[in-house]
C-alpha atoms as a PDB file:
ATOM      1  CA  UNK A   1     130.779  83.378  48.113  1.00  0.00           C
ATOM      2  CA  UNK A   2     127.779  81.240  47.198  1.00  0.00           C
ATOM      3  CA  UNK A   3     125.487  80.424  50.147  1.00  0.00           C
ATOM      4  CA  UNK A   4     124.945  76.843  51.240  1.00  0.00           C
ATOM      5  CA  UNK A   5     122.383  74.788  49.361  1.00  0.00           C
ATOM      6  CA  UNK A   6     118.649  74.973  49.981  1.00  0.00           C
ATOM      7  CA  UNK A   7     117.435  73.674  53.329  1.00  0.00           C
ATOM      8  CA  UNK A   8     114.259  71.688  54.108  1.00  0.00           C
ATOM      9  CA  UNK A   9     112.645  75.016  55.079  1.00  0.00           C
ATOM     10  CA  UNK A  10     113.402  76.337  51.607  1.00  0.00           C
ATOM     11  CA  UNK A  11     111.689  73.323  50.073  1.00  0.00           C
ATOM     12  CA  UNK A  12     108.648  74.052  52.269  1.00  0.00           C
ATOM     13  CA  UNK A  13     108.630  77.641  50.991  1.00  0.00           C
ATOM     14  CA  UNK A  14     108.678  76.365  47.405  1.00  0.00           C
ATOM     15  CA  UNK A  15     105.696  74.168  48.192  1.00  0.00           C
ATOM     16  CA  UNK A  16     103.836  77.226  49.507  1.00  0.00           C
ATOM     17  CA  UNK A  17     104.172  79.317  46.357  1.00  0.00           C
ATOM     18  CA  UNK A  18     103.309  76.358  44.166  1.00  0.00           C
ATOM     19  CA  UNK A  19     100.192  75.727  46.280  1.00  0.00           C
ATOM     20  CA  UNK A  20      99.192  79.390  45.932  1.00  0.00           C
ATOM     21  CA  UNK A  21      99.659  79.011  42.168  1.00  0.00           C
ATOM     22  CA  UNK A  22      97.392  75.951  42.056  1.00  0.00           C
ATOM     23  CA  UNK A  23      94.726  77.729  44.094  1.00  0.00           C
ATOM     24  CA  UNK A  24      94.433  80.600  41.604  1.00  0.00           C
ATOM     25  CA  UNK A  25      90.904  81.448  40.457  1.00  0.00           C
ATOM     26  CA  UNK A  26      90.119  80.256  36.942  1.00  0.00           C
ATOM     27  CA  UNK A  27      86.358  80.784  36.755  1.00  0.00           C
ATOM     28  CA  UNK A  28      85.239  84.356  35.936  1.00  0.00           C
ATOM     29  CA  UNK A  29      81.992  83.849  37.849  1.00  0.00           C
ATOM     30  CA  UNK A  30      83.852  82.713  40.942  1.00  0.00           C
ATOM     31  CA  UNK A  31      85.991  85.844  40.719  1.00  0.00           C
ATOM     32  CA  UNK A  32      82.909  88.071  40.552  1.00  0.00           C
ATOM     33  CA  UNK A  33      81.294  86.203  43.440  1.00  0.00           C
ATOM     34  CA  UNK A  34      84.366  86.710  45.624  1.00  0.00           C
ATOM     35  CA  UNK A  35      84.062  90.448  44.967  1.00  0.00           C
ATOM     36  CA  UNK A  36      80.291  90.647  45.520  1.00  0.00           C
ATOM     37  CA  UNK A  37      79.752  91.397  41.834  1.00  0.00           C
ATOM     38  CA  UNK A  38      77.538  88.518  40.740  1.00  0.00           C
ATOM     39  CA  UNK A  39      75.288  90.959  38.841  1.00  0.00           C
ATOM     40  CA  UNK A  40      78.212  91.773  36.538  1.00  0.00           C
ATOM     41  CA  UNK A  41      78.243  88.275  35.030  1.00  0.00           C
ATOM     42  CA  UNK A  42      76.645  89.591  31.829  1.00  0.00           C
ATOM     43  CA  UNK A  43      79.958  91.359  31.085  1.00  0.00           C
ATOM     44  CA  UNK A  44      81.846  88.074  30.816  1.00  0.00           C
ATOM     45  CA  UNK A  45      82.906  86.864  27.375  1.00  0.00           C
ATOM     46  CA  UNK A  46      82.826  83.090  27.243  1.00  0.00           C
ATOM     47  CA  UNK A  47      84.662  83.177  23.910  1.00  0.00           C
ATOM     48  CA  UNK A  48      87.490  85.321  25.280  1.00  0.00           C
ATOM     49  CA  UNK A  49      87.757  83.138  28.378  1.00  0.00           C
ATOM     50  CA  UNK A  50      87.996  80.034  26.207  1.00  0.00           C
ATOM     51  CA  UNK A  51      90.677  81.526  23.948  1.00  0.00           C
ATOM     52  CA  UNK A  52      92.708  83.109  26.782  1.00  0.00           C
ATOM     53  CA  UNK A  53      91.585  81.645  30.106  1.00  0.00           C
ATOM     54  CA  UNK A  54      91.215  83.598  33.303  1.00  0.00           C
ATOM     55  CA  UNK A  55      93.944  82.956  35.859  1.00  0.00           C
ATOM     56  CA  UNK A  56      94.454  85.185  38.904  1.00  0.00           C
ATOM     57  CA  UNK A  57      96.000  84.424  42.319  1.00  0.00           C
ATOM     58  CA  UNK A  58      93.783  84.874  45.360  1.00  0.00           C
ATOM     59  CA  UNK A  59      96.268  87.234  46.986  1.00  0.00           C
ATOM     60  CA  UNK A  60      95.912  89.591  44.030  1.00  0.00           C
ATOM     61  CA  UNK A  61      92.116  89.354  44.263  1.00  0.00           C
ATOM     62  CA  UNK A  62      92.377  90.392  47.914  1.00  0.00           C
ATOM     63  CA  UNK A  63      93.755  93.764  46.744  1.00  0.00           C
ATOM     64  CA  UNK A  64      90.694  94.441  44.581  1.00  0.00           C
ATOM     65  CA  UNK A  65      87.926  96.683  45.931  1.00  0.00           C
ATOM     66  CA  UNK A  66      84.934  94.604  46.987  1.00  0.00           C
ATOM     67  CA  UNK A  67      81.758  95.617  45.188  1.00  0.00           C
ATOM     68  CA  UNK A  68      83.490  97.867  42.638  1.00  0.00           C
ATOM     69  CA  UNK A  69      82.910  96.734  39.027  1.00  0.00           C
ATOM     70  CA  UNK A  70      85.423  99.362  37.848  1.00  0.00           C
ATOM     71  CA  UNK A  71      88.250  98.265  40.124  1.00  0.00           C
ATOM     72  CA  UNK A  72      91.506  98.814  38.170  1.00  0.00           C
ATOM     73  CA  UNK A  73      92.943  95.430  39.151  1.00  0.00           C
ATOM     74  CA  UNK A  74      89.772  93.567  38.216  1.00  0.00           C
ATOM     75  CA  UNK A  75      89.665  95.299  34.837  1.00  0.00           C
ATOM     76  CA  UNK A  76      93.108  93.898  33.999  1.00  0.00           C
ATOM     77  CA  UNK A  77      92.084  90.240  34.423  1.00  0.00           C
ATOM     78  CA  UNK A  78      88.344  89.799  33.747  1.00  0.00           C
ATOM     79  CA  UNK A  79      87.504  88.493  30.216  1.00  0.00           C
ATOM     80  CA  UNK A  80      84.781  90.816  28.922  1.00  0.00           C
ATOM     81  CA  UNK A  81      82.656  91.181  25.825  1.00  0.00           C
ATOM     82  CA  UNK A  82      84.780  94.072  24.555  1.00  0.00           C
ATOM     83  CA  UNK A  83      87.499  91.531  23.713  1.00  0.00           C
ATOM     84  CA  UNK A  84      85.311  90.086  20.985  1.00  0.00           C
ATOM     85  CA  UNK A  85      85.317  93.344  19.041  1.00  0.00           C
ATOM     86  CA  UNK A  86      87.404  93.221  15.875  1.00  0.00           C
ATOM     87  CA  UNK A  87      89.431  96.433  15.661  1.00  0.00           C
ATOM     88  CA  UNK A  88      91.475  97.505  12.629  1.00  0.00           C
ATOM     89  CA  UNK A  89      95.200  97.416  13.288  1.00  0.00           C
ATOM     90  CA  UNK A  90      94.973  95.002  16.217  1.00  0.00           C
ATOM     91  CA  UNK A  91      96.857  91.825  15.325  1.00  0.00           C
ATOM     92  CA  UNK A  92      97.867  88.441  16.717  1.00  0.00           C
ATOM     93  CA  UNK A  93     101.560  89.405  16.754  1.00  0.00           C
ATOM     94  CA  UNK A  94     101.503  93.043  17.733  1.00  0.00           C
ATOM     95  CA  UNK A  95     105.244  93.575  18.247  1.00  0.00           C
ATOM     96  CA  UNK A  96     106.852  91.482  15.515  1.00  0.00           C
ATOM     97  CA  UNK A  97     108.054  88.652  17.744  1.00  0.00           C
ATOM     98  CA  UNK A  98     107.624  86.125  14.954  1.00  0.00           C
ATOM     99  CA  UNK A  99     110.008  87.887  12.591  1.00  0.00           C
ATOM    100  CA  UNK A 100     112.644  88.160  15.340  1.00  0.00           C
ATOM    101  CA  UNK A 101     112.639  84.496  16.400  1.00  0.00           C
ATOM    102  CA  UNK A 102     116.046  82.831  16.242  1.00  0.00           C
ATOM    103  CA  UNK A 103     116.472  79.267  17.320  1.00  0.00           C
ATOM    104  CA  UNK A 104     114.250  77.662  19.913  1.00  0.00           C
ATOM    105  CA  UNK A 105     112.672  80.233  22.220  1.00  0.00           C
ATOM    106  CA  UNK A 106     115.072  83.058  21.340  1.00  0.00           C
ATOM    107  CA  UNK A 107     113.936  86.503  20.180  1.00  0.00           C
ATOM    108  CA  UNK A 108     116.693  88.829  18.981  1.00  0.00           C
ATOM    109  CA  UNK A 109     115.478  92.345  18.189  1.00  0.00           C
ATOM    110  CA  UNK A 110     117.972  94.700  19.777  1.00  0.00           C
ATOM    111  CA  UNK A 111     121.741  95.043  19.591  1.00  0.00           C
ATOM    112  CA  UNK A 112     123.590  93.219  22.362  1.00  0.00           C
ATOM    113  CA  UNK A 113     120.476  91.675  23.918  1.00  0.00           C
ATOM    114  CA  UNK A 114     118.675  88.413  23.359  1.00  0.00           C
ATOM    115  CA  UNK A 115     115.350  87.523  24.931  1.00  0.00           C
ATOM    116  CA  UNK A 116     114.509  83.969  25.946  1.00  0.00           C
ATOM    117  CA  UNK A 117     110.886  82.876  25.975  1.00  0.00           C
ATOM    118  CA  UNK A 118     111.656  80.834  29.058  1.00  0.00           C
ATOM    119  CA  UNK A 119     108.161  79.388  29.440  1.00  0.00           C
ATOM    120  CA  UNK A 120     104.577  80.026  28.425  1.00  0.00           C
ATOM    121  CA  UNK A 121     103.292  79.810  32.010  1.00  0.00           C
ATOM    122  CA  UNK A 122     102.243  82.825  34.037  1.00  0.00           C
ATOM    123  CA  UNK A 123     100.482  83.243  37.386  1.00  0.00           C
ATOM    124  CA  UNK A 124      98.052  85.783  35.944  1.00  0.00           C
ATOM    125  CA  UNK A 125      96.600  86.227  32.475  1.00  0.00           C
ATOM    126  CA  UNK A 126      96.469  89.962  31.828  1.00  0.00           C
ATOM    127  CA  UNK A 127      93.859  90.731  29.199  1.00  0.00           C
ATOM    128  CA  UNK A 128      96.096  93.244  27.372  1.00  0.00           C
ATOM    129  CA  UNK A 129      99.037  90.801  27.135  1.00  0.00           C
ATOM    130  CA  UNK A 130     100.842  91.281  23.821  1.00  0.00           C
ATOM    131  CA  UNK A 131     101.771  87.575  23.814  1.00  0.00           C
ATOM    132  CA  UNK A 132      98.279  86.249  24.466  1.00  0.00           C
ATOM    133  CA  UNK A 133      98.395  84.577  21.018  1.00  0.00           C
ATOM    134  CA  UNK A 134     102.055  83.472  21.109  1.00  0.00           C
ATOM    135  CA  UNK A 135     102.715  79.824  20.035  1.00  0.00           C
ATOM    136  CA  UNK A 136     104.267  78.775  23.346  1.00  0.00           C
ATOM    137  CA  UNK A 137     103.631  75.094  22.727  1.00  0.00           C
ATOM    138  CA  UNK A 138     106.149  75.101  19.897  1.00  0.00           C
ATOM    139  CA  UNK A 139     108.613  77.746  21.078  1.00  0.00           C
ATOM    140  CA  UNK A 140     109.926  77.905  24.647  1.00  0.00           C
ATOM    141  CA  UNK A 141     113.605  78.188  25.493  1.00  0.00           C
ATOM    142  CA  UNK A 142     113.485  75.830  28.487  1.00  0.00           C
ATOM    143  CA  UNK A 143     112.508  72.907  26.256  1.00  0.00           C
ATOM    144  CA  UNK A 144     115.144  70.192  25.834  1.00  0.00           C
ATOM    145  CA  UNK A 145     117.266  71.529  28.669  1.00  0.00           C
ATOM    146  CA  UNK A 146     117.679  74.976  27.056  1.00  0.00           C
ATOM    147  CA  UNK A 147     119.966  73.463  24.397  1.00  0.00           C
ATOM    148  CA  UNK A 148     118.599  75.264  21.340  1.00  0.00           C
ATOM    149  CA  UNK A 149     118.612  78.651  23.057  1.00  0.00           C
ATOM    150  CA  UNK A 150     122.096  78.138  24.471  1.00  0.00           C
ATOM    151  CA  UNK A 151     123.442  77.279  21.035  1.00  0.00           C
ATOM    152  CA  UNK A 152     122.217  80.629  19.701  1.00  0.00           C
ATOM    153  CA  UNK A 153     123.793  82.524  22.590  1.00  0.00           C
ATOM    154  CA  UNK A 154     127.142  80.738  22.286  1.00  0.00           C
ATOM    155  CA  UNK A 155     127.407  81.389  18.561  1.00  0.00           C
ATOM    156  CA  UNK A 156     126.669  85.124  18.692  1.00  0.00           C
ATOM    157  CA  UNK A 157     129.401  86.988  20.566  1.00  0.00           C
ATOM    158  CA  UNK A 158     127.561  90.289  20.098  1.00  0.00           C
ATOM    159  CA  UNK A 159     125.020  89.184  22.727  1.00  0.00           C
ATOM    160  CA  UNK A 160     126.064  90.541  26.130  1.00  0.00           C
ATOM    161  CA  UNK A 161     122.738  90.566  27.957  1.00  0.00           C
ATOM    162  CA  UNK A 162     120.258  87.712  28.364  1.00  0.00           C
ATOM    163  CA  UNK A 163     116.658  88.684  29.084  1.00  0.00           C
ATOM    164  CA  UNK A 164     114.368  86.060  30.612  1.00  0.00           C
ATOM    165  CA  UNK A 165     110.741  86.585  29.652  1.00  0.00           C
ATOM    166  CA  UNK A 166     107.732  84.494  28.777  1.00  0.00           C
ATOM    167  CA  UNK A 167     105.081  83.842  30.036  1.00  0.00           C
ATOM    168  CA  UNK A 168     106.858  84.455  33.290  1.00  0.00           C
ATOM    169  CA  UNK A 169     110.352  83.056  33.854  1.00  0.00           C
ATOM    170  CA  UNK A 170     109.901  82.958  37.630  1.00  0.00           C
ATOM    171  CA  UNK A 171     107.117  80.424  37.133  1.00  0.00           C
ATOM    172  CA  UNK A 172     109.938  77.944  36.507  1.00  0.00           C
ATOM    173  CA  UNK A 173     111.150  75.855  39.420  1.00  0.00           C
ATOM    174  CA  UNK A 174     114.454  76.846  40.989  1.00  0.00           C
ATOM    175  CA  UNK A 175     116.247  73.827  39.544  1.00  0.00           C
ATOM    176  CA  UNK A 176     115.280  74.885  36.004  1.00  0.00           C
ATOM    177  CA  UNK A 177     116.606  78.393  36.601  1.00  0.00           C
ATOM    178  CA  UNK A 178     119.795  76.915  38.025  1.00  0.00           C
ATOM    179  CA  UNK A 179     120.131  74.672  34.982  1.00  0.00           C
ATOM    180  CA  UNK A 180     120.108  77.751  32.767  1.00  0.00           C
ATOM    181  CA  UNK A 181     122.405  79.940  34.865  1.00  0.00           C
ATOM    182  CA  UNK A 182     124.951  77.124  35.230  1.00  0.00           C
ATOM    183  CA  UNK A 183     125.107  76.829  31.451  1.00  0.00           C
ATOM    184  CA  UNK A 184     125.323  80.609  30.947  1.00  0.00           C
ATOM    185  CA  UNK A 185     128.414  80.733  33.175  1.00  0.00           C
ATOM    186  CA  UNK A 186     130.313  78.963  30.403  1.00  0.00           C
ATOM    187  CA  UNK A 187     129.500  81.678  27.834  1.00  0.00           C
ATOM    188  CA  UNK A 188     132.151  84.359  28.434  1.00  0.00           C
ATOM    189  CA  UNK A 189     130.516  87.155  26.451  1.00  0.00           C
ATOM    190  CA  UNK A 190     127.406  87.212  28.691  1.00  0.00           C
ATOM    191  CA  UNK A 191     127.747  90.201  31.048  1.00  0.00           C
ATOM    192  CA  UNK A 192     124.255  90.836  32.436  1.00  0.00           C
ATOM    193  CA  UNK A 193     121.073  88.970  33.253  1.00  0.00           C
ATOM    194  CA  UNK A 194     117.678  90.643  33.119  1.00  0.00           C
ATOM    195  CA  UNK A 195     114.465  89.037  34.355  1.00  0.00           C
ATOM    196  CA  UNK A 196     111.029  90.337  33.409  1.00  0.00           C
ATOM    197  CA  UNK A 197     108.464  89.039  35.886  1.00  0.00           C
ATOM    198  CA  UNK A 198     105.004  89.890  37.183  1.00  0.00           C
ATOM    199  CA  UNK A 199     105.191  87.241  39.910  1.00  0.00           C
ATOM    200  CA  UNK A 200     106.722  89.427  42.650  1.00  0.00           C
ATOM    201  CA  UNK A 201     103.626  91.627  42.239  1.00  0.00           C
ATOM    202  CA  UNK A 202     100.804  89.118  41.723  1.00  0.00           C
ATOM    203  CA  UNK A 203     102.271  86.108  43.556  1.00  0.00           C
ATOM    204  CA  UNK A 204     104.850  87.468  46.038  1.00  0.00           C
ATOM    205  CA  UNK A 205     105.100  84.037  47.663  1.00  0.00           C
ATOM    206  CA  UNK A 206     107.356  83.118  44.742  1.00  0.00           C
ATOM    207  CA  UNK A 207     110.140  85.218  46.228  1.00  0.00           C
ATOM    208  CA  UNK A 208     111.188  82.570  48.713  1.00  0.00           C
ATOM    209  CA  UNK A 209     114.449  81.327  50.187  1.00  0.00           C
ATOM    210  CA  UNK A 210     115.172  79.052  47.242  1.00  0.00           C
ATOM    211  CA  UNK A 211     114.817  81.821  44.664  1.00  0.00           C
ATOM    212  CA  UNK A 212     116.896  84.226  46.747  1.00  0.00           C
ATOM    213  CA  UNK A 213     119.585  81.550  47.153  1.00  0.00           C
ATOM    214  CA  UNK A 214     119.729  81.261  43.360  1.00  0.00           C
ATOM    215  CA  UNK A 215     119.955  85.037  42.886  1.00  0.00           C
ATOM    216  CA  UNK A 216     122.702  85.390  45.495  1.00  0.00           C
ATOM    217  CA  UNK A 217     124.854  82.916  43.600  1.00  0.00           C
ATOM    218  CA  UNK A 218     124.666  84.514  40.151  1.00  0.00           C
ATOM    219  CA  UNK A 219     127.955  85.913  38.823  1.00  0.00           C
ATOM    220  CA  UNK A 220     126.477  88.794  36.781  1.00  0.00           C
ATOM    221  CA  UNK A 221     124.721  92.057  37.636  1.00  0.00           C
ATOM    222  CA  UNK A 222     121.010  91.212  37.714  1.00  0.00           C
ATOM    223  CA  UNK A 223     118.142  93.524  36.794  1.00  0.00           C
ATOM    224  CA  UNK A 224     114.600  92.457  37.649  1.00  0.00           C
ATOM    225  CA  UNK A 225     111.881  94.341  35.790  1.00  0.00           C
ATOM    226  CA  UNK A 226     108.587  93.870  37.596  1.00  0.00           C
ATOM    227  CA  UNK A 227     105.235  94.815  36.111  1.00  0.00           C
ATOM    228  CA  UNK A 228     102.680  96.830  38.044  1.00  0.00           C
ATOM    229  CA  UNK A 229     100.127  99.123  36.431  1.00  0.00           C
ATOM    230  CA  UNK A 230      98.410 100.604  39.483  1.00  0.00           C
ATOM    231  CA  UNK A 231      99.462 101.613  42.984  1.00  0.00           C
ATOM    232  CA  UNK A 232      96.857  99.278  44.500  1.00  0.00           C
ATOM    233  CA  UNK A 233      98.866  96.297  43.264  1.00  0.00           C
ATOM    234  CA  UNK A 234     101.361  96.908  46.084  1.00  0.00           C
ATOM    235  CA  UNK A 235     100.784  95.725  49.643  1.00  0.00           C
ATOM    236  CA  UNK A 236     102.934  94.544  52.552  1.00  0.00           C
ATOM    237  CA  UNK A 237     103.502  91.104  50.997  1.00  0.00           C
ATOM    238  CA  UNK A 238     104.725  92.678  47.757  1.00  0.00           C
ATOM    239  CA  UNK A 239     106.936  95.100  49.678  1.00  0.00           C
ATOM    240  CA  UNK A 240     108.556  92.174  51.510  1.00  0.00           C
ATOM    241  CA  UNK A 241     109.133  90.260  48.270  1.00  0.00           C
ATOM    242  CA  UNK A 242     110.746  93.255  46.608  1.00  0.00           C
ATOM    243  CA  UNK A 243     112.931  93.886  49.665  1.00  0.00           C
ATOM    244  CA  UNK A 244     114.154  90.301  49.406  1.00  0.00           C
ATOM    245  CA  UNK A 245     115.064  90.753  45.755  1.00  0.00           C
ATOM    246  CA  UNK A 246     116.975  93.958  46.533  1.00  0.00           C
ATOM    247  CA  UNK A 247     118.812  92.255  49.399  1.00  0.00           C
ATOM    248  CA  UNK A 248     119.833  89.532  46.941  1.00  0.00           C
ATOM    249  CA  UNK A 249     121.594  92.204  44.886  1.00  0.00           C
ATOM    250  CA  UNK A 250     119.046  92.797  42.123  1.00  0.00           C
ATOM    251  CA  UNK A 251     118.341  96.221  40.647  1.00  0.00           C
ATOM    252  CA  UNK A 252     114.550  96.663  40.532  1.00  0.00           C
ATOM    253  CA  UNK A 253     112.680  98.530  37.795  1.00  0.00           C
ATOM    254  CA  UNK A 254     108.991  98.705  36.954  1.00  0.00           C
ATOM    255  CA  UNK A 255     107.371  98.732  33.556  1.00  0.00           C
ATOM    256  CA  UNK A 256     103.711  99.592  33.188  1.00  0.00           C
ATOM    257  CA  UNK A 257     101.242  99.732  30.314  1.00  0.00           C
ATOM    258  CA  UNK A 258      99.005 102.762  29.870  1.00  0.00           C
ATOM    259  CA  UNK A 259      95.501 101.289  30.067  1.00  0.00           C
ATOM    260  CA  UNK A 260      92.135 102.963  29.671  1.00  0.00           C
ATOM    261  CA  UNK A 261      90.081 102.544  32.820  1.00  0.00           C
ATOM    262  CA  UNK A 262      93.086 101.399  34.834  1.00  0.00           C
ATOM    263  CA  UNK A 263      95.733 104.120  35.053  1.00  0.00           C
ATOM    264  CA  UNK A 264      94.824 106.741  32.435  1.00  0.00           C
ATOM    265  CA  UNK A 265      94.899 109.682  34.842  1.00  0.00           C
ATOM    266  CA  UNK A 266      97.777 111.685  36.235  1.00  0.00           C
ATOM    267  CA  UNK A 267      96.691 110.854  39.778  1.00  0.00           C
ATOM    268  CA  UNK A 268      96.813 107.104  39.073  1.00  0.00           C
ATOM    269  CA  UNK A 269     100.169 107.299  37.302  1.00  0.00           C
ATOM    270  CA  UNK A 270     101.743 109.481  39.994  1.00  0.00           C
ATOM    271  CA  UNK A 271     100.465 107.153  42.711  1.00  0.00           C
ATOM    272  CA  UNK A 272     101.911 104.147  40.865  1.00  0.00           C
ATOM    273  CA  UNK A 273     105.342 105.750  40.516  1.00  0.00           C
ATOM    274  CA  UNK A 274     105.459 106.946  44.112  1.00  0.00           C
ATOM    275  CA  UNK A 275     104.145 103.698  45.592  1.00  0.00           C
ATOM    276  CA  UNK A 276     106.620 101.667  43.566  1.00  0.00           C
ATOM    277  CA  UNK A 277     109.487 103.864  44.716  1.00  0.00           C
ATOM    278  CA  UNK A 278     108.333 103.412  48.310  1.00  0.00           C
ATOM    279  CA  UNK A 279     108.789  99.679  47.692  1.00  0.00           C
ATOM    280  CA  UNK A 280     112.270 100.215  46.245  1.00  0.00           C
ATOM    281  CA  UNK A 281     111.404 100.078  42.543  1.00  0.00           C
ATOM    282  CA  UNK A 282     112.336 102.763  40.022  1.00  0.00           C
ATOM    283  CA  UNK A 283     109.932 103.553  37.164  1.00  0.00           C
ATOM    284  CA  UNK A 284     111.366 102.341  33.855  1.00  0.00           C
ATOM    285  CA  UNK A 285     108.868 102.280  30.990  1.00  0.00           C
ATOM    286  CA  UNK A 286     105.276 103.375  30.534  1.00  0.00           C
ATOM    287  CA  UNK A 287     104.267 101.485  27.397  1.00  0.00           C
ATOM    288  CA  UNK A 288     101.690 102.709  24.990  1.00  0.00           C
ATOM    289  CA  UNK A 289      99.429  99.686  24.442  1.00  0.00           C
ATOM    290  CA  UNK A 290     100.723  97.026  22.063  1.00  0.00           C
ATOM    291  CA  UNK A 291      97.903  96.587  19.567  1.00  0.00           C
ATOM    292  CA  UNK A 292      97.178  92.922  20.130  1.00  0.00           C
ATOM    293  CA  UNK A 293      93.869  91.425  19.020  1.00  0.00           C
ATOM    294  CA  UNK A 294      91.378  91.457  21.886  1.00  0.00           C
ATOM    295  CA  UNK A 295      92.793  94.488  23.712  1.00  0.00           C
ATOM    296  CA  UNK A 296      91.447  97.475  21.768  1.00  0.00           C
ATOM    297  CA  UNK A 297      89.205  98.564  24.649  1.00  0.00           C
ATOM    298  CA  UNK A 298      92.310  99.342  26.726  1.00  0.00           C
ATOM    299  CA  UNK A 299      93.804 101.792  24.240  1.00  0.00           C
ATOM    300  CA  UNK A 300      94.497 105.407  25.200  1.00  0.00           C
ATOM    301  CA  UNK A 301      94.999 107.594  22.131  1.00  0.00           C
ATOM    302  CA  UNK A 302      98.445 109.080  21.523  1.00  0.00           C
ATOM    303  CA  UNK A 303      97.609 112.764  22.139  1.00  0.00           C
ATOM    304  CA  UNK A 304      96.053 111.846  25.492  1.00  0.00           C
ATOM    305  CA  UNK A 305      99.047 109.661  26.375  1.00  0.00           C
ATOM    306  CA  UNK A 306     101.484 112.475  25.600  1.00  0.00           C
ATOM    307  CA  UNK A 307      99.444 114.996  27.589  1.00  0.00           C
ATOM    308  CA  UNK A 308      99.362 112.674  30.591  1.00  0.00           C
ATOM    309  CA  UNK A 309     103.125 112.211  30.407  1.00  0.00           C
ATOM    310  CA  UNK A 310     103.764 115.947  30.191  1.00  0.00           C
ATOM    311  CA  UNK A 311     101.592 116.534  33.258  1.00  0.00           C
ATOM    312  CA  UNK A 312     103.262 113.659  35.102  1.00  0.00           C
ATOM    313  CA  UNK A 313     106.667 115.180  34.332  1.00  0.00           C
ATOM    314  CA  UNK A 314     105.569 118.477  35.836  1.00  0.00           C
ATOM    315  CA  UNK A 315     104.294 116.765  38.990  1.00  0.00           C
ATOM    316  CA  UNK A 316     107.109 114.323  39.854  1.00  0.00           C
ATOM    317  CA  UNK A 317     110.900 114.537  40.045  1.00  0.00           C
ATOM    318  CA  UNK A 318     112.606 113.194  36.951  1.00  0.00           C
ATOM    319  CA  UNK A 319     113.770 109.962  38.551  1.00  0.00           C
ATOM    320  CA  UNK A 320     110.141 109.013  39.230  1.00  0.00           C
ATOM    321  CA  UNK A 321     108.936 109.575  35.657  1.00  0.00           C
ATOM    322  CA  UNK A 322     108.982 106.491  33.388  1.00  0.00           C
ATOM    323  CA  UNK A 323     109.815 106.827  29.715  1.00  0.00           C
ATOM    324  CA  UNK A 324     106.687 106.832  27.561  1.00  0.00           C
ATOM    325  CA  UNK A 325     107.437 104.429  24.719  1.00  0.00           C
ATOM    326  CA  UNK A 326     105.967 102.340  21.977  1.00  0.00           C
ATOM    327  CA  UNK A 327     107.388  99.182  20.462  1.00  0.00           C
ATOM    328  CA  UNK A 328     107.454  99.354  16.672  1.00  0.00           C
ATOM    329  CA  UNK A 329     108.212  96.093  14.875  1.00  0.00           C
ATOM    330  CA  UNK A 330     111.587  96.241  13.151  1.00  0.00           C
ATOM    331  CA  UNK A 331     112.902  99.249  15.061  1.00  0.00           C
ATOM    332  CA  UNK A 332     116.253  98.821  16.867  1.00  0.00           C
ATOM    333  CA  UNK A 333     114.918  99.893  20.283  1.00  0.00           C
ATOM    334  CA  UNK A 334     111.791 100.974  22.120  1.00  0.00           C
ATOM    335  CA  UNK A 335     110.737 104.318  20.634  1.00  0.00           C
ATOM    336  CA  UNK A 336     109.792 107.369  22.732  1.00  0.00           C
ATOM    337  CA  UNK A 337     106.198 108.070  21.801  1.00  0.00           C
ATOM    338  CA  UNK A 338     106.880 111.544  20.412  1.00  0.00           C
ATOM    339  CA  UNK A 339     109.609 110.136  18.151  1.00  0.00           C
ATOM    340  CA  UNK A 340     107.384 107.223  17.131  1.00  0.00           C
ATOM    341  CA  UNK A 341     104.692 109.664  16.032  1.00  0.00           C
ATOM    342  CA  UNK A 342     107.232 111.672  14.020  1.00  0.00           C
ATOM    343  CA  UNK A 343     108.388 108.449  12.341  1.00  0.00           C
ATOM    344  CA  UNK A 344     104.815 107.526  11.431  1.00  0.00           C
ATOM    345  CA  UNK A 345     104.138 110.998  10.042  1.00  0.00           C
ATOM    346  CA  UNK A 346     107.256 110.888   7.853  1.00  0.00           C
ATOM    347  CA  UNK A 347     106.307 107.436   6.586  1.00  0.00           C
ATOM    348  CA  UNK A 348     102.919 108.779   5.511  1.00  0.00           C
END
């Protein structure tokens, strides 16, 4: 049974998350001032901020430690001089998205699954983002009423799972999401819907009555993969948002990226996994950094990554240990890091 349509209160809730979006901080110096870190302004890269602008919601800033220049949440969003360093092997398209593009806004890398670049918008610009150079202006699935993307999905009966990504698909208004899901209902070979979103973590206001109404009415099993890298990203507002998503029937998983200076310790990783589980989210992937230009200062070397994962496995029960993986362009799935290293060694 599909619940009744959105009420005036639901429209008010939508206005609240959109207002929080508009009020996001976009000036690196304002961000540092809010945290009492004005003296850190010399770290800011004007060039990096111009190429990939700062954007961070105020609610996320409130979870940062005041006066701490090494705060793990701040490190993820502040454009710094290290981004200007040219590092061998760090590229504009780190994961081979370009070679896997099919139709408008569709990326098809893995058997049975197609990913839609639903939009280029996101509530936060993470400095390690592997799509920070993606040509969103020319390639988003929501353009032209999703028609190009839907044509690809209809014509390929091997596709059973649609993955909404971006940018952030939950940055779309509810009516745009409904437009897509209504069209997907007419494609009989679609069996699952997966949504990759950072918004429930950085902008929990997005999980409002209108979004939950949409989720309740979907005819497929829904998996929502959120993205948190540190336990401090969770608070009571995030917990409430995640509880709402679970109550709407979604399975919740978390994917994180291993980041130097953010979560590259066993204590930080264990805290992240345990805090996420407390909020009803199972660990899914711990990604070794995608080598995108501008992010080299976040890289943790492979031996260190493997050692951290081994120690994490000895500390936590298996269901709380994410899979340590790397994405290798052209491979048919995410590769466990140990297997990826074996593959590289054989290639050499």
